Protein backbone atom coordinates (compact mmCIF):
# COMPACT_ATOMS: atom_id res chain seq x y z
CA UNK A 1 145.70 -180.60 -61.21
CA UNK A 2 142.87 -182.55 -60.07
CA UNK A 3 143.37 -182.79 -55.90
CA UNK A 4 142.56 -186.15 -54.70
CA UNK A 5 140.42 -184.97 -52.13
CA UNK A 6 137.98 -183.77 -55.47
CA UNK A 7 138.62 -186.94 -57.36
CA UNK A 8 137.19 -188.60 -54.45
CA UNK A 9 133.88 -186.40 -54.65
CA UNK A 10 133.74 -186.58 -58.02
CA UNK A 11 134.19 -190.51 -58.12
CA UNK A 12 131.62 -190.73 -55.48
CA UNK A 13 128.68 -188.59 -56.82
CA UNK A 14 129.34 -190.70 -60.34
CA UNK A 15 128.44 -193.84 -58.28
CA UNK A 16 125.41 -192.09 -56.74
CA UNK A 17 124.20 -190.96 -60.13
CA UNK A 18 125.12 -194.57 -61.34
CA UNK A 19 123.49 -196.41 -58.66
CA UNK A 20 120.40 -193.86 -59.46
CA UNK A 21 120.02 -194.76 -63.23
CA UNK A 22 120.10 -198.12 -61.87
CA UNK A 23 117.21 -197.51 -59.38
CA UNK A 24 115.36 -195.72 -62.07
CA UNK A 25 115.63 -198.61 -64.50
CA UNK A 26 112.12 -200.49 -64.78
CA UNK A 27 111.76 -203.67 -64.30
CA UNK A 28 110.10 -206.70 -65.98
CA UNK A 29 107.18 -207.87 -65.24
CA UNK A 30 106.93 -211.34 -63.67
CA UNK A 31 105.04 -214.45 -65.94
CA UNK A 32 102.20 -213.61 -64.06
CA UNK A 33 101.49 -209.73 -64.00
CA UNK A 34 101.87 -210.43 -68.18
CA UNK A 35 99.28 -212.51 -68.03
CA UNK A 36 96.77 -210.39 -66.26
CA UNK A 37 97.92 -207.70 -68.49
CA UNK A 38 96.81 -209.84 -71.71
CA UNK A 39 93.53 -210.94 -70.06
CA UNK A 40 93.01 -207.64 -69.22
CA UNK A 41 93.67 -206.09 -72.67
CA UNK A 42 91.88 -209.22 -74.07
CA UNK A 43 88.96 -208.65 -72.47
CA UNK A 44 88.67 -205.20 -73.22
CA UNK A 45 88.88 -205.96 -76.54
CA UNK A 46 86.46 -208.17 -76.74
CA UNK A 47 83.83 -205.73 -74.72
CA UNK A 48 84.57 -203.33 -77.58
CA UNK A 49 83.93 -205.71 -80.27
CA UNK A 50 80.25 -206.59 -78.61
CA UNK A 51 79.71 -203.02 -78.65
CA UNK A 52 81.26 -202.73 -82.47
CA UNK A 53 84.20 -200.40 -81.47
CA UNK A 54 86.17 -201.87 -83.87
CA UNK A 55 88.93 -198.98 -83.63
CA UNK A 56 89.48 -199.59 -79.50
CA UNK A 57 88.83 -203.71 -80.29
CA UNK A 58 92.26 -203.48 -82.39
CA UNK A 59 93.72 -201.26 -80.13
CA UNK A 60 93.40 -203.41 -76.90
CA UNK A 61 94.16 -207.20 -79.10
CA UNK A 62 97.35 -205.90 -80.87
CA UNK A 63 98.30 -205.06 -77.42
CA UNK A 64 97.83 -208.45 -75.91
CA UNK A 65 98.95 -209.89 -78.89
CA UNK A 66 102.22 -208.12 -78.42
CA UNK A 67 102.47 -208.51 -74.26
CA UNK A 68 101.75 -212.27 -75.35
CA UNK A 69 101.97 -213.41 -78.72
CA UNK A 70 101.08 -216.97 -77.93
CA UNK A 71 97.79 -216.69 -76.70
CA UNK A 72 95.49 -218.71 -79.03
CA UNK A 73 92.56 -216.66 -77.44
CA UNK A 74 93.76 -213.45 -78.25
CA UNK A 75 94.46 -214.41 -82.57
CA UNK A 76 90.81 -215.74 -82.33
CA UNK A 77 89.64 -212.57 -81.60
CA UNK A 78 91.91 -211.01 -83.96
CA UNK A 79 90.85 -213.00 -86.50
CA UNK A 80 87.32 -211.57 -86.20
CA UNK A 81 88.23 -207.96 -85.80
CA UNK A 82 89.93 -209.07 -89.17
CA UNK A 83 86.83 -210.57 -90.54
CA UNK A 84 84.81 -207.41 -89.38
CA UNK A 85 87.13 -205.09 -91.53
CA UNK A 86 86.74 -206.76 -94.04
CA UNK A 87 90.55 -208.27 -94.73
CA UNK A 88 89.75 -211.81 -94.86
CA UNK A 89 93.13 -212.76 -95.85
CA UNK A 90 94.29 -211.41 -92.90
CA UNK A 91 91.78 -213.12 -90.55
CA UNK A 92 92.19 -216.58 -92.16
CA UNK A 93 96.27 -215.83 -91.05
CA UNK A 94 95.23 -215.32 -87.38
CA UNK A 95 92.90 -218.32 -87.10
CA UNK A 96 95.42 -220.40 -88.30
CA UNK A 97 97.74 -219.03 -86.26
CA UNK A 98 95.32 -219.54 -82.75
CA UNK A 99 94.65 -223.00 -84.09
CA UNK A 100 98.53 -223.80 -84.76
CA UNK A 101 98.63 -222.98 -80.88
CA UNK A 102 95.41 -224.72 -79.26
CA UNK A 103 92.84 -226.32 -82.39
CA UNK A 104 90.08 -225.25 -79.87
CA UNK A 105 86.63 -225.41 -81.58
CA UNK A 106 85.09 -221.99 -80.71
CA UNK A 107 88.28 -220.84 -83.27
CA UNK A 108 87.61 -224.13 -85.67
CA UNK A 109 83.93 -222.54 -85.76
CA UNK A 110 84.63 -219.23 -86.42
CA UNK A 111 87.36 -220.03 -89.00
CA UNK A 112 84.17 -222.27 -91.06
CA UNK A 113 82.80 -218.87 -90.80
CA UNK A 114 84.96 -217.52 -92.21
CA UNK A 115 85.59 -219.94 -94.97
CA UNK A 116 81.82 -219.42 -95.82
CA UNK A 117 81.85 -216.04 -96.25
CA UNK A 118 84.91 -216.60 -98.50
CA UNK A 119 82.23 -219.10 -100.29
CA UNK A 120 84.36 -222.45 -99.46
CA UNK A 121 81.93 -224.84 -98.43
CA UNK A 122 83.74 -227.85 -98.13
CA UNK A 123 86.59 -226.69 -96.06
CA UNK A 124 84.32 -225.06 -94.16
CA UNK A 125 82.71 -228.08 -93.12
CA UNK A 126 85.62 -229.81 -92.18
CA UNK A 127 85.92 -226.57 -89.72
CA UNK A 128 82.60 -227.16 -88.39
CA UNK A 129 82.93 -231.04 -87.37
CA UNK A 130 86.06 -230.28 -86.06
CA UNK A 131 84.64 -228.00 -83.85
CA UNK A 132 81.85 -230.94 -83.06
CA UNK A 133 84.57 -233.28 -82.67
CA UNK A 134 84.81 -231.95 -79.37
CA UNK A 135 82.29 -232.79 -76.66
CA UNK A 136 83.17 -229.80 -74.41
CA UNK A 137 82.31 -227.11 -76.39
CA UNK A 138 79.25 -224.66 -75.36
CA UNK A 139 77.83 -223.77 -78.04
CA UNK A 140 77.67 -226.88 -80.79
CA UNK A 141 74.33 -225.44 -81.68
CA UNK A 142 75.96 -223.00 -83.67
CA UNK A 143 78.24 -225.46 -85.20
CA UNK A 144 75.43 -227.49 -86.38
CA UNK A 145 73.54 -224.13 -87.66
CA UNK A 146 76.62 -223.02 -89.52
CA UNK A 147 77.27 -227.21 -90.75
CA UNK A 148 73.92 -226.41 -92.23
CA UNK A 149 74.61 -223.58 -94.13
CA UNK A 150 77.60 -225.14 -95.85
CA UNK A 151 76.16 -228.81 -96.27
CA UNK A 152 73.11 -226.38 -97.97
CA UNK A 153 76.10 -224.25 -100.21
CA UNK A 154 76.89 -227.87 -101.33
CA UNK A 155 73.76 -228.72 -102.66
CA UNK A 156 72.66 -231.44 -99.55
CA UNK A 157 69.53 -230.19 -98.50
CA UNK A 158 68.58 -233.28 -96.87
CA UNK A 159 72.40 -233.04 -94.98
CA UNK A 160 71.54 -229.35 -93.82
CA UNK A 161 67.93 -229.85 -92.49
CA UNK A 162 69.20 -232.49 -90.61
CA UNK A 163 72.18 -230.23 -89.37
CA UNK A 164 69.97 -227.72 -88.68
CA UNK A 165 67.83 -229.93 -86.78
CA UNK A 166 69.80 -231.05 -84.49
CA UNK A 167 70.64 -227.72 -83.67
CA UNK A 168 67.00 -227.08 -82.46
CA UNK A 169 67.47 -230.18 -80.25
CA UNK A 170 70.44 -229.36 -78.60
CA UNK A 171 68.82 -225.45 -78.16
CA UNK A 172 65.06 -225.91 -78.64
CA UNK A 173 65.16 -221.79 -77.21
CA UNK A 174 66.77 -220.28 -80.25
CA UNK A 175 64.56 -219.82 -83.70
CA UNK A 176 67.83 -219.41 -85.81
CA UNK A 177 67.61 -223.35 -87.18
CA UNK A 178 64.13 -222.52 -87.66
CA UNK A 179 64.39 -219.80 -90.04
CA UNK A 180 67.56 -221.42 -91.89
CA UNK A 181 65.35 -224.43 -92.68
CA UNK A 182 62.41 -222.39 -93.78
CA UNK A 183 64.99 -220.87 -96.01
CA UNK A 184 65.99 -223.57 -97.12
CA UNK A 185 62.79 -225.00 -98.10
CA UNK A 186 61.61 -221.70 -100.28
CA UNK A 187 65.07 -222.27 -102.03
CA UNK A 188 64.50 -225.36 -103.07
CA UNK A 189 60.74 -225.13 -104.04
CA UNK A 190 58.68 -226.71 -101.19
CA UNK A 191 56.62 -223.20 -100.32
CA UNK A 192 53.97 -225.35 -98.18
CA UNK A 193 56.99 -226.72 -95.41
CA UNK A 194 58.14 -223.21 -95.63
CA UNK A 195 54.87 -221.74 -94.45
CA UNK A 196 54.45 -223.99 -91.27
CA UNK A 197 57.70 -223.38 -90.65
CA UNK A 198 57.12 -219.56 -90.33
CA UNK A 199 53.94 -220.31 -88.67
CA UNK A 200 55.74 -221.81 -86.12
CA UNK A 201 57.92 -219.80 -85.24
CA UNK A 202 55.36 -216.67 -85.50
CA UNK A 203 53.65 -218.28 -82.39
CA UNK A 204 56.44 -218.93 -80.70
CA UNK A 205 57.67 -215.53 -81.35
CA UNK A 206 54.99 -213.23 -82.57
CA UNK A 207 57.87 -210.33 -82.67
CA UNK A 208 59.70 -212.15 -84.95
CA UNK A 209 60.39 -209.37 -87.81
CA UNK A 210 62.22 -211.93 -89.72
CA UNK A 211 59.79 -214.87 -89.94
CA UNK A 212 56.88 -212.71 -90.71
CA UNK A 213 59.22 -211.51 -93.49
CA UNK A 214 59.15 -214.77 -94.79
CA UNK A 215 55.82 -215.51 -94.65
CA UNK A 216 54.35 -212.00 -96.18
CA UNK A 217 56.89 -213.16 -99.06
CA UNK A 218 54.61 -216.31 -99.34
CA UNK A 219 51.38 -214.50 -98.71
CA UNK A 220 48.61 -214.63 -101.78
CA UNK A 221 45.82 -213.25 -99.81
CA UNK A 222 45.91 -209.56 -99.15
CA UNK A 223 43.63 -209.24 -96.44
CA UNK A 224 45.36 -212.13 -93.89
CA UNK A 225 48.54 -210.02 -94.84
CA UNK A 226 47.45 -207.06 -93.74
CA UNK A 227 45.52 -208.11 -90.17
CA UNK A 228 48.97 -210.05 -89.72
CA UNK A 229 51.22 -206.39 -89.89
CA UNK A 230 48.94 -205.21 -87.97
CA UNK A 231 49.44 -207.74 -85.06
CA UNK A 232 52.73 -207.54 -85.52
CA UNK A 233 52.44 -203.46 -84.65
CA UNK A 234 50.61 -204.18 -81.74
CA UNK A 235 53.31 -206.64 -80.54
CA UNK A 236 56.42 -205.56 -81.41
CA UNK A 237 58.98 -203.37 -78.95
CA UNK A 238 61.36 -202.10 -81.79
CA UNK A 239 60.25 -198.81 -83.22
CA UNK A 240 62.44 -199.58 -86.51
CA UNK A 241 60.46 -202.83 -86.86
CA UNK A 242 57.31 -200.78 -85.55
CA UNK A 243 58.11 -198.26 -88.34
CA UNK A 244 58.84 -201.10 -91.35
CA UNK A 245 55.68 -202.66 -90.97
CA UNK A 246 53.45 -199.65 -90.79
CA UNK A 247 55.25 -198.34 -94.49
CA UNK A 248 54.21 -202.44 -95.54
CA UNK A 249 50.58 -201.93 -94.50
CA UNK A 250 50.51 -198.41 -96.04
CA UNK A 251 51.96 -200.01 -99.77
CA UNK A 252 49.57 -202.16 -99.25
CA UNK A 253 46.64 -199.79 -98.86
CA UNK A 254 47.78 -197.25 -101.75
């Protein structure tokens, strides 16, 4: 039989062991700490997306989603990540989930861009107009450019041009809306307008390769085309763009 003294020692040891186990048990994060962790992983995920490191982006964003399932910003970022990954349906589901939690202008714009990729311009138009309903949205020029694309895809040429011009009014420093307008003129057989747009862009941004490519595609004077390429080679700071121009010039001289 176990003596009373030994039994007491065993019971005391068990109590100490249980106390030690209880003391080692992890303490749940406070709501404030959890929010900070979600924010940290979310920011790391965005940084990875910007650097085109998709595996790292998913790793961080999925951790953020697990820690904070109801954060619309995280869901929005995952919607974009899945779009880049090529799973448009999964991207759509994340955007819809984010919009159900917080119908933010940025998510409406991102969702609309996805719908354009999915060749759903009418639904995309609705999404872009939803984004533009919020006067606090810091990038309305993006939404207007996207809206122009959605309208052009519906063959609403005049409305599309108006949207591109509104984007230009909101942000005169960007050339994207001018490029979109020039492309629209080309596609709708208005070459003189397109040429004028490309020339305007190149006056303001002489190293804009896209504008030069568009202009050269319409240029019938080979001598002038060579002059434009030679000028571009001297101006551009991008090695790949310079190599493109040099190859295009060589092709003309053969």
